[in-house]
Protein backbone atom coordinates (compact mmCIF):
# COMPACT_ATOMS: atom_id res chain seq x y z
CA MET A 1 36.86 6.88 46.50
CA THR A 2 38.82 9.33 48.35
CA VAL A 3 42.61 9.50 48.91
CA GLN A 4 42.13 9.55 52.78
CA GLY A 5 44.07 6.68 54.35
CA LYS A 6 45.42 5.49 50.98
CA ASN A 7 49.11 4.66 50.62
CA VAL A 8 50.20 6.86 47.65
CA GLY A 9 53.52 6.80 45.94
CA ILE A 10 54.74 9.88 44.14
CA ALA A 11 57.57 8.96 41.79
CA LEU A 12 59.57 12.05 40.58
CA THR A 13 61.64 11.90 37.41
CA GLY A 14 63.90 14.45 35.79
CA SER A 15 61.43 17.04 34.38
CA PHE A 16 62.81 19.56 36.99
CA CYS A 17 60.81 22.57 35.65
CA THR A 18 57.62 20.98 36.87
CA PHE A 19 58.77 20.18 40.39
CA GLU A 20 57.21 23.53 41.50
CA LYS A 21 53.82 22.06 40.42
CA VAL A 22 54.33 18.64 41.98
CA PHE A 23 55.25 19.62 45.53
CA PRO A 24 51.92 21.53 46.11
CA GLN A 25 50.03 18.45 45.11
CA ILE A 26 52.16 16.36 47.54
CA GLU A 27 51.08 18.80 50.24
CA ARG A 28 47.37 18.50 49.16
CA LEU A 29 47.54 14.75 49.33
CA VAL A 30 48.92 14.95 52.85
CA SER A 31 46.35 17.55 53.91
CA ASN A 32 43.67 15.08 52.61
CA ASN A 33 45.13 12.35 54.93
CA ALA A 34 46.86 10.22 52.36
CA ASN A 35 50.00 8.43 53.45
CA VAL A 36 52.49 9.66 50.86
CA TYR A 37 55.84 8.03 49.93
CA THR A 38 58.07 9.73 47.49
CA ILE A 39 60.28 7.89 45.03
CA PHE A 40 63.15 9.66 43.32
CA SER A 41 64.76 8.65 40.10
CA GLU A 42 68.48 8.52 39.98
CA ARG A 43 68.56 11.50 37.82
CA SER A 44 66.15 13.59 40.05
CA GLN A 45 68.02 12.65 43.28
CA ASN A 46 71.50 13.54 41.82
CA THR A 47 71.11 16.49 39.63
CA ASP A 48 71.18 20.10 40.70
CA THR A 49 69.57 22.45 38.08
CA ARG A 50 68.61 26.01 37.85
CA PHE A 51 65.21 24.80 39.21
CA GLY A 52 66.79 23.63 42.54
CA ASN A 53 69.13 21.53 44.44
CA ALA A 54 68.54 17.73 44.42
CA ASP A 55 69.28 17.32 48.15
CA SER A 56 66.78 20.11 48.92
CA PHE A 57 64.04 18.40 47.08
CA ILE A 58 64.63 15.15 48.81
CA GLN A 59 64.63 16.96 52.18
CA LYS A 60 61.49 18.76 51.26
CA ALA A 61 59.72 15.59 50.32
CA LYS A 62 60.66 14.09 53.72
CA GLU A 63 59.41 17.19 55.59
CA ILE A 64 55.99 17.15 53.81
CA THR A 65 55.34 13.49 54.03
CA GLY A 66 57.03 12.45 57.30
CA ASN A 67 58.48 9.54 55.23
CA GLN A 68 62.02 8.88 54.14
CA PRO A 69 61.98 9.17 50.33
CA ILE A 70 62.81 5.93 48.33
CA THR A 71 66.06 6.46 46.48
CA THR A 72 67.56 2.96 45.71
CA PHE A 73 66.56 0.14 43.43
CA THR A 74 66.52 -2.32 46.33
CA GLU A 75 64.17 -0.10 48.47
CA ALA A 76 61.91 0.18 45.42
CA GLU A 77 61.93 -3.59 44.80
CA LYS A 78 60.31 -4.14 48.26
CA LEU A 79 57.24 -2.20 47.40
CA GLY A 80 55.88 -5.17 45.23
CA PRO A 81 56.26 -8.00 47.65
CA ASN A 82 55.12 -5.95 50.52
CA SER A 83 52.09 -4.55 48.58
CA MET A 84 52.86 -1.27 50.08
CA LEU A 85 51.10 1.23 47.82
CA ASP A 86 47.44 1.56 46.84
CA ILE A 87 48.53 3.62 43.81
CA ILE A 88 51.61 5.24 42.33
CA ILE A 89 51.73 8.54 40.42
CA VAL A 90 54.73 9.31 38.24
CA ALA A 91 54.90 12.99 38.40
CA PRO A 92 56.48 14.41 36.55
CA CYS A 93 56.86 11.66 33.88
CA THR A 94 59.55 12.41 31.39
CA GLY A 95 59.54 11.07 27.89
CA ASN A 96 62.34 8.78 28.73
CA THR A 97 60.40 7.12 31.66
CA LEU A 98 57.27 7.05 29.50
CA ALA A 99 59.00 5.14 26.69
CA LYS A 100 60.45 2.70 29.16
CA MET A 101 57.15 2.01 30.82
CA ALA A 102 55.55 1.40 27.40
CA ASN A 103 58.36 -1.15 26.60
CA ALA A 104 58.28 -2.84 29.98
CA ILE A 105 61.92 -1.67 30.89
CA THR A 106 62.66 -1.71 34.57
CA ASP A 107 66.13 -0.02 34.89
CA SER A 108 65.62 2.67 37.57
CA THR A 109 64.15 3.20 41.04
CA VAL A 110 60.97 4.71 39.59
CA LEU A 111 60.44 2.00 37.15
CA MET A 112 60.89 -0.72 39.71
CA SER A 113 58.31 1.01 41.78
CA VAL A 114 55.99 1.07 38.97
CA LYS A 115 56.56 -2.53 38.23
CA GLY A 116 55.94 -3.54 41.89
CA THR A 117 52.71 -1.58 41.90
CA LEU A 118 51.46 -3.27 38.73
CA ARG A 119 52.52 -6.70 40.11
CA ASN A 120 49.75 -6.04 42.73
CA ASN A 121 47.26 -5.07 40.20
CA LYS A 122 47.17 -1.52 41.40
CA PRO A 123 46.77 1.68 39.24
CA VAL A 124 49.64 3.80 37.92
CA VAL A 125 48.85 7.42 37.22
CA ILE A 126 51.07 9.30 34.69
CA ALA A 127 51.62 13.05 34.76
CA VAL A 128 53.26 13.62 31.35
CA SER A 129 55.88 16.33 31.14
CA THR A 130 57.80 15.98 27.85
CA ASN A 131 58.93 18.00 24.94
CA ASP A 132 58.24 15.13 22.49
CA ALA A 133 54.75 14.08 23.53
CA LEU A 134 53.39 14.81 19.99
CA SER A 135 56.35 13.33 18.15
CA ASN A 136 58.47 10.39 19.28
CA ASN A 137 56.47 9.65 22.37
CA LEU A 138 53.05 9.78 21.01
CA LYS A 139 53.08 6.11 20.28
CA ASN A 140 54.10 5.39 23.81
CA ILE A 141 51.30 7.48 25.21
CA GLY A 142 48.92 5.52 22.88
CA ILE A 143 50.19 2.20 24.27
CA LEU A 144 49.92 3.13 27.94
CA ILE A 145 46.55 4.88 27.57
CA ASN A 146 45.34 1.50 26.34
CA THR A 147 47.02 -0.68 28.91
CA LYS A 148 45.31 -2.01 32.06
CA ASN A 149 45.90 -0.17 35.21
CA PHE A 150 47.46 2.91 33.56
CA TYR A 151 45.74 6.37 33.86
CA PHE A 152 46.78 9.78 32.77
CA ILE A 153 46.34 13.13 34.63
CA PRO A 154 44.71 15.23 31.84
CA PHE A 155 47.30 17.11 29.83
CA GLY A 156 47.75 19.61 27.03
CA GLN A 157 50.22 21.51 25.07
CA ASP A 158 52.19 23.96 27.30
CA ASN A 159 53.71 26.16 24.55
CA PHE A 160 52.30 25.30 21.23
CA LYS A 161 54.09 28.10 19.43
CA GLY A 162 57.63 27.66 20.93
CA LYS A 163 57.45 23.90 21.51
CA PRO A 164 54.63 22.43 19.43
CA ASN A 165 55.34 18.81 20.35
CA SER A 166 55.59 19.45 24.11
CA MET A 167 52.76 18.40 26.51
CA VAL A 168 52.32 18.85 30.29
CA ALA A 169 49.92 17.39 32.78
CA HIS A 170 47.39 19.69 34.52
CA PHE A 171 48.88 18.95 37.97
CA ASP A 172 46.03 20.57 39.73
CA LEU A 173 43.92 17.66 38.52
CA MET A 174 46.12 15.11 40.26
CA ILE A 175 43.81 14.28 43.15
CA PRO A 176 40.68 13.91 41.01
CA THR A 177 42.67 11.65 38.59
CA ILE A 178 43.83 9.53 41.64
CA GLU A 179 40.32 9.15 42.97
CA GLU A 180 39.02 7.97 39.57
CA ALA A 181 41.95 5.56 39.10
CA LEU A 182 41.21 3.95 42.44
CA GLU A 183 37.87 3.11 40.99
CA GLY A 184 39.33 1.87 37.66
CA ARG A 185 38.26 4.83 35.60
CA GLN A 186 40.20 7.48 33.63
CA LEU A 187 39.28 11.11 34.52
CA GLN A 188 37.81 12.74 31.30
CA PRO A 189 38.53 14.72 29.26
CA VAL A 190 42.19 13.39 28.96
CA LEU A 191 43.16 16.09 26.55
CA LEU A 192 42.71 19.79 27.69
CA THR A 193 43.27 23.00 26.07
CA PRO A 194 46.70 24.55 26.04
CA MET A 195 47.98 25.90 29.32
C-alpha cells in the first residue's frame, strides 16, 4: 500500500536535534501525495533551542503541508471521533513520550493524537530518538513493539562510543515503514547498524 491519498499525522516531540531529519520526510510524504497533518507537543511548540525557533518550525510545517498544525489538546481530541487519520507517526519520539505511550498516559497533544488514532484501530509508527533507549526506556520499547498497532521505524545506536544507550530512528525509512504498517506489518529488520 502506498501513502498516496492517505491522511498521515506527523507528531513532533522535543528531540529537537532530529527535526532536520524529520522535515525532509514530511516533504517526501507530501511529494508522494499524502495529506499530511502535523501535531506539535507542548514542548516542541514552545521551546526555542540551538536547533531552531519553535515558531519557525510550526510555520515551516504549515508551508510544507498546506495544513494548520495541531497544537492544542482539544484539537487533538477531535482526531479520534472524526477518524481523521489513516496513520500517525511520532517523529521524533522522545523517551518521555515513549514511556507515556507504553503506560497509556494521555497528558499531551501528541499523546491525545496517538490515543485517537488507536481508538480507530489505526497504526502508530514510532521514530525513536532518545538517549536512554538501551537503559531505562528499553522496557518501554519492548512493551510497544509487542503491542497491537504499534510499529517502529528501524533504529540503531547513533553514537555508541559517546552515548552507548542512545538510539535514533533511520528517518530515511519512514515511508517504507508507513507502507508496511498500513498493511499491518513491521518493516524488517528493526535494529540496524550504528549510524
